Amino acid sequence: MISYRITSAILGLVLFVIIYRLVRRGKLQEKYSLIWFLTGFIICILGLFPFLLDAVARLTGITYAPTLLFVISVGILLIQNLHLTTAVSKNEIHLKELSQRLAVLQKLFEETRDETESADK
């Protein structure tokens, strides 16, 4: 039977490899990959040294150490969700500005084309 320590370490390493390949193929930007690399690192460390989880749980007042994993996971997901929501909001504003500029440029192009066509006649 495989130890949970080995399973956790393998899971962390697999996460590293997946994120590395996504970044290398250009499907994930480096700035977004950092949180995932950190997550993989934490999984490896906590898997190899489970007493760290117990120590951190005692320091934070959590009596059942595995609960700390869920608290950390939910915290990471909330932070990532907030970050992605702000990125989407910023992109929507930028897209709106670009759409408005494009509309102005199209209008100017049409006016210029109409002027040149009328001048040619």
C-alpha atoms as a PDB file:
ATOM      1  CA  MET A   1       0.000   0.000   0.000  1.00  0.00           C
ATOM      2  CA  ILE A   2       1.302   3.426  -0.962  1.00  0.00           C
ATOM      3  CA  SER A   3       1.840   5.907   1.834  1.00  0.00           C
ATOM      4  CA  TYR A   4      -0.139   9.140   1.797  1.00  0.00           C
ATOM      5  CA  ARG A   5       3.202  10.943   2.035  1.00  0.00           C
ATOM      6  CA  ILE A   6       4.321   9.481  -1.279  1.00  0.00           C
ATOM      7  CA  THR A   7       0.909  10.110  -2.835  1.00  0.00           C
ATOM      8  CA  SER A   8       0.984  13.769  -1.753  1.00  0.00           C
ATOM      9  CA  ALA A   9       4.514  14.230  -3.045  1.00  0.00           C
ATOM     10  CA  ILE A  10       3.599  12.653  -6.381  1.00  0.00           C
ATOM     11  CA  LEU A  11       0.477  14.817  -6.590  1.00  0.00           C
ATOM     12  CA  GLY A  12       2.559  17.945  -6.008  1.00  0.00           C
ATOM     13  CA  LEU A  13       5.116  16.903  -8.629  1.00  0.00           C
ATOM     14  CA  VAL A  14       2.397  16.101 -11.162  1.00  0.00           C
ATOM     15  CA  LEU A  15       0.926  19.553 -10.550  1.00  0.00           C
ATOM     16  CA  PHE A  16       4.361  21.096 -11.158  1.00  0.00           C
ATOM     17  CA  VAL A  17       4.744  19.225 -14.454  1.00  0.00           C
ATOM     18  CA  ILE A  18       1.237  20.127 -15.656  1.00  0.00           C
ATOM     19  CA  ILE A  19       1.681  23.823 -14.860  1.00  0.00           C
ATOM     20  CA  TYR A  20       5.149  23.859 -16.436  1.00  0.00           C
ATOM     21  CA  ARG A  21       3.815  22.323 -19.651  1.00  0.00           C
ATOM     22  CA  LEU A  22       0.883  24.763 -19.776  1.00  0.00           C
ATOM     23  CA  VAL A  23       3.229  27.725 -19.368  1.00  0.00           C
ATOM     24  CA  ARG A  24       5.635  26.357 -21.933  1.00  0.00           C
ATOM     25  CA  ARG A  25       2.861  25.879 -24.500  1.00  0.00           C
ATOM     26  CA  GLY A  26       1.593  29.401 -23.868  1.00  0.00           C
ATOM     27  CA  LYS A  27      -1.768  28.274 -22.494  1.00  0.00           C
ATOM     28  CA  LEU A  28      -1.101  29.756 -19.050  1.00  0.00           C
ATOM     29  CA  GLN A  29       0.673  33.026 -18.364  1.00  0.00           C
ATOM     30  CA  GLU A  30       3.580  33.053 -15.947  1.00  0.00           C
ATOM     31  CA  LYS A  31       1.898  35.453 -13.551  1.00  0.00           C
ATOM     32  CA  TYR A  32      -1.032  33.061 -13.120  1.00  0.00           C
ATOM     33  CA  SER A  33       1.197  30.021 -12.809  1.00  0.00           C
ATOM     34  CA  LEU A  34       2.937  31.271  -9.674  1.00  0.00           C
ATOM     35  CA  ILE A  35      -0.018  30.506  -7.405  1.00  0.00           C
ATOM     36  CA  TRP A  36      -0.235  27.001  -8.859  1.00  0.00           C
ATOM     37  CA  PHE A  37       3.484  26.377  -8.428  1.00  0.00           C
ATOM     38  CA  LEU A  38       3.149  27.551  -4.835  1.00  0.00           C
ATOM     39  CA  THR A  39       0.202  25.204  -4.333  1.00  0.00           C
ATOM     40  CA  GLY A  40       2.205  22.268  -5.707  1.00  0.00           C
ATOM     41  CA  PHE A  41       5.122  23.168  -3.466  1.00  0.00           C
ATOM     42  CA  ILE A  42       2.896  23.323  -0.380  1.00  0.00           C
ATOM     43  CA  ILE A  43       1.323  19.964  -1.263  1.00  0.00           C
ATOM     44  CA  CYS A  44       4.779  18.382  -1.571  1.00  0.00           C
ATOM     45  CA  ILE A  45       6.043  19.886   1.682  1.00  0.00           C
ATOM     46  CA  LEU A  46       2.951  18.971   3.699  1.00  0.00           C
ATOM     47  CA  GLY A  47       2.935  15.508   2.175  1.00  0.00           C
ATOM     48  CA  LEU A  48       6.570  14.839   2.997  1.00  0.00           C
ATOM     49  CA  PHE A  49       6.499  16.519   6.411  1.00  0.00           C
ATOM     50  CA  PRO A  50       2.992  16.023   7.871  1.00  0.00           C
ATOM     51  CA  PHE A  51       4.120  17.192  11.311  1.00  0.00           C
ATOM     52  CA  LEU A  52       4.255  20.723   9.852  1.00  0.00           C
ATOM     53  CA  LEU A  53       0.504  20.572   9.284  1.00  0.00           C
ATOM     54  CA  ASP A  54      -0.013  19.534  12.906  1.00  0.00           C
ATOM     55  CA  ALA A  55       2.243  22.341  14.143  1.00  0.00           C
ATOM     56  CA  VAL A  56       0.500  25.008  12.054  1.00  0.00           C
ATOM     57  CA  ALA A  57      -2.896  23.673  13.141  1.00  0.00           C
ATOM     58  CA  ARG A  58      -1.899  23.932  16.802  1.00  0.00           C
ATOM     59  CA  LEU A  59      -0.602  27.488  16.254  1.00  0.00           C
ATOM     60  CA  THR A  60      -3.870  28.560  14.649  1.00  0.00           C
ATOM     61  CA  GLY A  61      -6.029  26.848  17.258  1.00  0.00           C
ATOM     62  CA  ILE A  62      -7.424  24.186  14.949  1.00  0.00           C
ATOM     63  CA  THR A  63      -7.835  20.920  16.828  1.00  0.00           C
ATOM     64  CA  TYR A  64      -8.231  18.618  13.810  1.00  0.00           C
ATOM     65  CA  ALA A  65      -5.232  19.202  11.523  1.00  0.00           C
ATOM     66  CA  PRO A  66      -6.808  18.059   8.219  1.00  0.00           C
ATOM     67  CA  THR A  67      -9.370  20.836   8.641  1.00  0.00           C
ATOM     68  CA  LEU A  68      -6.506  23.281   8.143  1.00  0.00           C
ATOM     69  CA  LEU A  69      -6.035  21.914   4.620  1.00  0.00           C
ATOM     70  CA  PHE A  70      -9.617  22.817   3.777  1.00  0.00           C
ATOM     71  CA  VAL A  71      -9.267  26.262   5.319  1.00  0.00           C
ATOM     72  CA  ILE A  72      -6.084  26.899   3.320  1.00  0.00           C
ATOM     73  CA  SER A  73      -7.669  25.525   0.136  1.00  0.00           C
ATOM     74  CA  VAL A  74     -10.767  27.693   0.464  1.00  0.00           C
ATOM     75  CA  GLY A  75      -8.574  30.722   1.226  1.00  0.00           C
ATOM     76  CA  ILE A  76      -6.436  30.134  -1.855  1.00  0.00           C
ATOM     77  CA  LEU A  77      -9.519  29.657  -4.027  1.00  0.00           C
ATOM     78  CA  LEU A  78     -11.117  32.845  -2.690  1.00  0.00           C
ATOM     79  CA  ILE A  79      -7.958  34.864  -3.322  1.00  0.00           C
ATOM     80  CA  GLN A  80      -7.612  33.423  -6.808  1.00  0.00           C
ATOM     81  CA  ASN A  81     -11.272  34.093  -7.540  1.00  0.00           C
ATOM     82  CA  LEU A  82     -10.922  37.704  -6.384  1.00  0.00           C
ATOM     83  CA  HIS A  83      -7.794  38.148  -8.506  1.00  0.00           C
ATOM     84  CA  LEU A  84      -9.426  36.698 -11.616  1.00  0.00           C
ATOM     85  CA  THR A  85     -12.570  38.772 -11.077  1.00  0.00           C
ATOM     86  CA  THR A  86     -10.536  41.973 -10.930  1.00  0.00           C
ATOM     87  CA  ALA A  87      -8.625  40.893 -14.059  1.00  0.00           C
ATOM     88  CA  VAL A  88     -11.893  40.254 -15.903  1.00  0.00           C
ATOM     89  CA  SER A  89     -13.267  43.622 -14.787  1.00  0.00           C
ATOM     90  CA  LYS A  90     -10.139  45.395 -15.987  1.00  0.00           C
ATOM     91  CA  ASN A  91     -10.313  43.558 -19.315  1.00  0.00           C
ATOM     92  CA  GLU A  92     -13.979  44.483 -19.765  1.00  0.00           C
ATOM     93  CA  ILE A  93     -13.158  48.172 -19.251  1.00  0.00           C
ATOM     94  CA  HIS A  94     -10.242  47.902 -21.688  1.00  0.00           C
ATOM     95  CA  LEU A  95     -12.423  46.095 -24.240  1.00  0.00           C
ATOM     96  CA  LYS A  96     -15.101  48.782 -23.978  1.00  0.00           C
ATOM     97  CA  GLU A  97     -12.515  51.520 -24.575  1.00  0.00           C
ATOM     98  CA  LEU A  98     -11.100  49.648 -27.571  1.00  0.00           C
ATOM     99  CA  SER A  99     -14.582  49.136 -29.024  1.00  0.00           C
ATOM    100  CA  GLN A 100     -15.300  52.851 -28.719  1.00  0.00           C
ATOM    101  CA  ARG A 101     -12.001  53.746 -30.391  1.00  0.00           C
ATOM    102  CA  LEU A 102     -12.708  51.291 -33.185  1.00  0.00           C
ATOM    103  CA  ALA A 103     -16.153  52.807 -33.744  1.00  0.00           C
ATOM    104  CA  VAL A 104     -14.621  56.291 -33.980  1.00  0.00           C
ATOM    105  CA  LEU A 105     -11.955  55.073 -36.407  1.00  0.00           C
ATOM    106  CA  GLN A 106     -14.547  53.324 -38.570  1.00  0.00           C
ATOM    107  CA  LYS A 107     -16.635  56.492 -38.679  1.00  0.00           C
ATOM    108  CA  LEU A 108     -13.600  58.564 -39.660  1.00  0.00           C
ATOM    109  CA  PHE A 109     -12.659  56.009 -42.315  1.00  0.00           C
ATOM    110  CA  GLU A 110     -16.156  56.053 -43.799  1.00  0.00           C
ATOM    111  CA  GLU A 111     -16.219  59.865 -43.848  1.00  0.00           C
ATOM    112  CA  THR A 112     -12.794  59.996 -45.481  1.00  0.00           C
ATOM    113  CA  ARG A 113     -13.798  57.383 -48.054  1.00  0.00           C
ATOM    114  CA  ASP A 114     -17.024  59.268 -48.834  1.00  0.00           C
ATOM    115  CA  GLU A 115     -15.073  62.524 -49.256  1.00  0.00           C
ATOM    116  CA  THR A 116     -12.538  60.933 -51.599  1.00  0.00           C
ATOM    117  CA  GLU A 117     -15.280  59.248 -53.632  1.00  0.00           C
ATOM    118  CA  SER A 118     -17.191  62.524 -53.998  1.00  0.00           C
ATOM    119  CA  ALA A 119     -13.977  64.368 -54.894  1.00  0.00           C
ATOM    120  CA  ASP A 120     -13.184  61.775 -57.592  1.00  0.00           C
ATOM    121  CA  LYS A 121     -16.559  62.300 -59.306  1.00  0.00           C
END
